[in-house]
Amino acid sequence: MTSPLDYLDEAGADEADYESPMRELYAYRDGDTWLDGVVTGVRPHGGVDGCTLVQFDDRLWVPAREVRASSHYVAVLLNPDSEVYSEVIQSYVDGAPKEIIRDVSIIGDGDNVGTEWRLIDEPQTGTRVRYRYTGTAELAEPDDEDEEQTA
């Protein structure tokens, strides 16, 4: 299997090439396990054999040729004013990003609030997919009757 970052070791790779994987999500081997991580650094010709090294999560350096595509993506959740609210790692559904992401938070005196984010209709670039905030709703707490029926 070839690495999606093989181009970093090719002759003629330049600063733009080395910058392109930054903040993207890829898989790397840590011992016997494949993990997902965000690229936080690139060291051209940094390996003992002159290969390019890629840093994951500000901690581990891996040869670029050993990196694999991830089965996940980074969902970039945008507020209505396009400010980034959060970035979360999500699994693809049938090979595609989820259409809707919902989150439930507890606020104040324990009230549940649900937020909804919809996929923005734009071409995907890299492993980062943008979602737009579409609304918040206070979620009703179940009645004692409802709890008894589900128990």
C-alpha atoms as a PDB file:
ATOM      1  CA  MET A   1       0.000   0.000   0.000  1.00  0.00           C
ATOM      2  CA  THR A   2       1.348   3.426  -0.871  1.00  0.00           C
ATOM      3  CA  SER A   3       1.264   6.427   1.379  1.00  0.00           C
ATOM      4  CA  PRO A   4      -0.809   9.519   0.521  1.00  0.00           C
ATOM      5  CA  LEU A   5       2.292  11.479   1.570  1.00  0.00           C
ATOM      6  CA  ASP A   6       4.786   9.755  -0.768  1.00  0.00           C
ATOM      7  CA  TYR A   7       5.055  13.013  -2.730  1.00  0.00           C
ATOM      8  CA  LEU A   8       6.975  14.562   0.196  1.00  0.00           C
ATOM      9  CA  ASP A   9       9.983  12.359  -0.633  1.00  0.00           C
ATOM     10  CA  GLU A  10       9.954  13.077  -4.368  1.00  0.00           C
ATOM     11  CA  ALA A  11      12.589  15.268  -5.997  1.00  0.00           C
ATOM     12  CA  GLY A  12      11.286  18.774  -6.429  1.00  0.00           C
ATOM     13  CA  ALA A  13       9.026  18.759  -3.333  1.00  0.00           C
ATOM     14  CA  ASP A  14       8.881  22.344  -2.099  1.00  0.00           C
ATOM     15  CA  GLU A  15       7.658  24.392   0.857  1.00  0.00           C
ATOM     16  CA  ALA A  16       4.029  24.293  -0.351  1.00  0.00           C
ATOM     17  CA  ASP A  17       4.197  20.483  -0.533  1.00  0.00           C
ATOM     18  CA  TYR A  18       5.569  20.291   3.012  1.00  0.00           C
ATOM     19  CA  GLU A  19       2.853  22.645   4.265  1.00  0.00           C
ATOM     20  CA  SER A  20      -0.079  20.796   2.612  1.00  0.00           C
ATOM     21  CA  PRO A  21      -0.487  17.912   5.134  1.00  0.00           C
ATOM     22  CA  MET A  22      -0.438  20.238   8.159  1.00  0.00           C
ATOM     23  CA  ARG A  23      -3.590  19.953  10.346  1.00  0.00           C
ATOM     24  CA  GLU A  24      -4.831  17.034   8.217  1.00  0.00           C
ATOM     25  CA  LEU A  25      -5.832  13.660   9.674  1.00  0.00           C
ATOM     26  CA  TYR A  26      -3.918  10.514   8.718  1.00  0.00           C
ATOM     27  CA  ALA A  27      -3.247   7.079  10.210  1.00  0.00           C
ATOM     28  CA  TYR A  28       0.143   5.966  11.498  1.00  0.00           C
ATOM     29  CA  ARG A  29       1.483   2.841  13.139  1.00  0.00           C
ATOM     30  CA  ASP A  30       2.389   3.019  16.819  1.00  0.00           C
ATOM     31  CA  GLY A  31       3.780  -0.412  17.612  1.00  0.00           C
ATOM     32  CA  ASP A  32       1.230  -2.984  16.426  1.00  0.00           C
ATOM     33  CA  THR A  33      -1.662  -0.508  16.371  1.00  0.00           C
ATOM     34  CA  TRP A  34      -2.805   1.956  13.704  1.00  0.00           C
ATOM     35  CA  LEU A  35      -3.858   5.279  15.205  1.00  0.00           C
ATOM     36  CA  ASP A  36      -5.355   8.431  13.747  1.00  0.00           C
ATOM     37  CA  GLY A  37      -3.515  11.676  14.302  1.00  0.00           C
ATOM     38  CA  VAL A  38      -3.336  15.241  13.104  1.00  0.00           C
ATOM     39  CA  VAL A  39      -0.136  16.260  11.306  1.00  0.00           C
ATOM     40  CA  THR A  40       1.587  18.990  13.316  1.00  0.00           C
ATOM     41  CA  GLY A  41       5.000  19.043  11.678  1.00  0.00           C
ATOM     42  CA  VAL A  42       7.016  18.027   8.616  1.00  0.00           C
ATOM     43  CA  ARG A  43      10.786  17.567   8.616  1.00  0.00           C
ATOM     44  CA  PRO A  44      12.135  17.252   5.029  1.00  0.00           C
ATOM     45  CA  HIS A  45      15.065  14.797   4.817  1.00  0.00           C
ATOM     46  CA  GLY A  46      14.844  14.354   8.612  1.00  0.00           C
ATOM     47  CA  GLY A  47      15.145  10.575   8.676  1.00  0.00           C
ATOM     48  CA  VAL A  48      18.427   8.695   9.023  1.00  0.00           C
ATOM     49  CA  ASP A  49      18.037   7.549   5.414  1.00  0.00           C
ATOM     50  CA  GLY A  50      17.110  11.071   4.218  1.00  0.00           C
ATOM     51  CA  CYS A  51      13.368  10.444   4.122  1.00  0.00           C
ATOM     52  CA  THR A  52      10.798  13.051   5.123  1.00  0.00           C
ATOM     53  CA  LEU A  53       9.405  12.724   8.649  1.00  0.00           C
ATOM     54  CA  VAL A  54       5.870  13.696   9.630  1.00  0.00           C
ATOM     55  CA  GLN A  55       4.961  14.628  13.195  1.00  0.00           C
ATOM     56  CA  PHE A  56       1.620  13.601  14.713  1.00  0.00           C
ATOM     57  CA  ASP A  57      -0.115  15.395  17.562  1.00  0.00           C
ATOM     58  CA  ASP A  58       3.059  17.301  18.570  1.00  0.00           C
ATOM     59  CA  ARG A  59       4.659  14.095  19.818  1.00  0.00           C
ATOM     60  CA  LEU A  60       5.628  11.304  17.409  1.00  0.00           C
ATOM     61  CA  TRP A  61       7.721  11.488  14.207  1.00  0.00           C
ATOM     62  CA  VAL A  62       6.945   8.909  11.491  1.00  0.00           C
ATOM     63  CA  PRO A  63       8.472   8.450   8.008  1.00  0.00           C
ATOM     64  CA  ALA A  64       6.039   9.892   5.442  1.00  0.00           C
ATOM     65  CA  ARG A  65       6.130   6.637   3.441  1.00  0.00           C
ATOM     66  CA  GLU A  66       4.609   4.790   6.439  1.00  0.00           C
ATOM     67  CA  VAL A  67       1.537   7.039   6.738  1.00  0.00           C
ATOM     68  CA  ARG A  68      -1.854   5.787   5.555  1.00  0.00           C
ATOM     69  CA  ALA A  69      -5.199   7.435   4.804  1.00  0.00           C
ATOM     70  CA  SER A  70      -7.498   7.560   7.822  1.00  0.00           C
ATOM     71  CA  SER A  71     -11.012   6.118   7.962  1.00  0.00           C
ATOM     72  CA  HIS A  72     -12.052   9.295   9.796  1.00  0.00           C
ATOM     73  CA  TYR A  73     -12.215  13.018   9.045  1.00  0.00           C
ATOM     74  CA  VAL A  74     -12.096  16.311  10.943  1.00  0.00           C
ATOM     75  CA  ALA A  75     -15.513  17.968  11.156  1.00  0.00           C
ATOM     76  CA  VAL A  76     -15.011  21.729  11.403  1.00  0.00           C
ATOM     77  CA  LEU A  77     -18.102  23.139  13.113  1.00  0.00           C
ATOM     78  CA  LEU A  78     -18.778  26.753  12.132  1.00  0.00           C
ATOM     79  CA  ASN A  79     -20.958  29.302  13.926  1.00  0.00           C
ATOM     80  CA  PRO A  80     -23.374  31.383  11.800  1.00  0.00           C
ATOM     81  CA  ASP A  81     -20.658  34.081  11.500  1.00  0.00           C
ATOM     82  CA  SER A  82     -18.227  31.421  10.102  1.00  0.00           C
ATOM     83  CA  GLU A  83     -16.098  31.453  13.262  1.00  0.00           C
ATOM     84  CA  VAL A  84     -14.827  27.976  14.154  1.00  0.00           C
ATOM     85  CA  TYR A  85     -16.802  26.640  17.110  1.00  0.00           C
ATOM     86  CA  SER A  86     -15.009  23.307  17.372  1.00  0.00           C
ATOM     87  CA  GLU A  87     -13.142  20.638  15.446  1.00  0.00           C
ATOM     88  CA  VAL A  88     -14.100  17.019  16.102  1.00  0.00           C
ATOM     89  CA  ILE A  89     -13.006  13.730  14.598  1.00  0.00           C
ATOM     90  CA  GLN A  90     -15.861  11.798  12.964  1.00  0.00           C
ATOM     91  CA  SER A  91     -16.178   8.459  11.176  1.00  0.00           C
ATOM     92  CA  TYR A  92     -17.218   8.332   7.548  1.00  0.00           C
ATOM     93  CA  VAL A  93     -20.660   6.802   6.936  1.00  0.00           C
ATOM     94  CA  ASP A  94     -20.668   4.577   3.860  1.00  0.00           C
ATOM     95  CA  GLY A  95     -17.483   6.313   2.712  1.00  0.00           C
ATOM     96  CA  ALA A  96     -18.873   9.851   3.002  1.00  0.00           C
ATOM     97  CA  PRO A  97     -19.041  12.544   5.691  1.00  0.00           C
ATOM     98  CA  LYS A  98     -22.207  12.632   7.807  1.00  0.00           C
ATOM     99  CA  GLU A  99     -24.945  14.970   6.561  1.00  0.00           C
ATOM    100  CA  ILE A 100     -25.828  16.145  10.085  1.00  0.00           C
ATOM    101  CA  ILE A 101     -23.896  16.206  13.350  1.00  0.00           C
ATOM    102  CA  ARG A 102     -25.883  16.597  16.571  1.00  0.00           C
ATOM    103  CA  ASP A 103     -24.468  17.342  19.988  1.00  0.00           C
ATOM    104  CA  VAL A 104     -26.114  17.430  23.404  1.00  0.00           C
ATOM    105  CA  SER A 105     -24.706  19.628  26.170  1.00  0.00           C
ATOM    106  CA  ILE A 106     -25.749  20.328  29.734  1.00  0.00           C
ATOM    107  CA  ILE A 107     -26.043  23.979  30.716  1.00  0.00           C
ATOM    108  CA  GLY A 108     -27.084  25.935  33.777  1.00  0.00           C
ATOM    109  CA  ASP A 109     -28.987  23.840  36.302  1.00  0.00           C
ATOM    110  CA  GLY A 110     -28.677  20.671  34.280  1.00  0.00           C
ATOM    111  CA  ASP A 111     -30.793  21.610  31.267  1.00  0.00           C
ATOM    112  CA  ASN A 112     -30.054  19.602  28.142  1.00  0.00           C
ATOM    113  CA  VAL A 113     -29.447  21.616  24.979  1.00  0.00           C
ATOM    114  CA  GLY A 114     -29.065  20.048  21.567  1.00  0.00           C
ATOM    115  CA  THR A 115     -27.159  21.657  18.711  1.00  0.00           C
ATOM    116  CA  GLU A 116     -27.273  20.682  15.059  1.00  0.00           C
ATOM    117  CA  TRP A 117     -24.652  21.209  12.365  1.00  0.00           C
ATOM    118  CA  ARG A 118     -25.259  20.546   8.651  1.00  0.00           C
ATOM    119  CA  LEU A 119     -22.707  19.648   6.017  1.00  0.00           C
ATOM    120  CA  ILE A 120     -21.853  22.635   3.814  1.00  0.00           C
ATOM    121  CA  ASP A 121     -22.362  21.886   0.129  1.00  0.00           C
ATOM    122  CA  GLU A 122     -18.835  22.485  -1.136  1.00  0.00           C
ATOM    123  CA  PRO A 123     -16.034  20.333  -2.551  1.00  0.00           C
ATOM    124  CA  GLN A 124     -14.079  18.520   0.146  1.00  0.00           C
ATOM    125  CA  THR A 125     -10.408  19.401   0.358  1.00  0.00           C
ATOM    126  CA  GLY A 126      -8.210  17.118   2.392  1.00  0.00           C
ATOM    127  CA  THR A 127      -9.558  15.495   5.538  1.00  0.00           C
ATOM    128  CA  ARG A 128     -11.285  18.606   6.918  1.00  0.00           C
ATOM    129  CA  VAL A 129     -15.029  18.928   6.263  1.00  0.00           C
ATOM    130  CA  ARG A 130     -16.977  22.055   7.148  1.00  0.00           C
ATOM    131  CA  TYR A 131     -20.393  22.126   8.824  1.00  0.00           C
ATOM    132  CA  ARG A 132     -22.648  25.120   9.502  1.00  0.00           C
ATOM    133  CA  TYR A 133     -24.606  25.616  12.727  1.00  0.00           C
ATOM    134  CA  THR A 134     -28.336  25.243  12.068  1.00  0.00           C
ATOM    135  CA  GLY A 135     -29.936  25.544  15.480  1.00  0.00           C
ATOM    136  CA  THR A 136     -30.213  24.928  19.185  1.00  0.00           C
ATOM    137  CA  ALA A 137     -33.143  23.515  21.088  1.00  0.00           C
ATOM    138  CA  GLU A 138     -33.686  22.834  24.766  1.00  0.00           C
ATOM    139  CA  LEU A 139     -34.405  19.140  25.106  1.00  0.00           C
ATOM    140  CA  ALA A 140     -37.284  18.012  27.273  1.00  0.00           C
ATOM    141  CA  GLU A 141     -36.450  15.808  30.201  1.00  0.00           C
ATOM    142  CA  PRO A 142     -38.404  12.532  30.294  1.00  0.00           C
ATOM    143  CA  ASP A 143     -41.361  12.316  32.687  1.00  0.00           C
ATOM    144  CA  ASP A 144     -41.314   9.774  35.482  1.00  0.00           C
ATOM    145  CA  GLU A 145     -43.999   7.941  33.475  1.00  0.00           C
ATOM    146  CA  ASP A 146     -41.756   7.806  30.405  1.00  0.00           C
ATOM    147  CA  GLU A 147     -38.871   6.468  32.496  1.00  0.00           C
ATOM    148  CA  GLU A 148     -41.055   3.677  33.924  1.00  0.00           C
ATOM    149  CA  GLN A 149     -42.175   2.613  30.434  1.00  0.00           C
ATOM    150  CA  THR A 150     -38.592   2.308  29.160  1.00  0.00           C
ATOM    151  CA  ALA A 151     -37.343   0.425  32.242  1.00  0.00           C
END
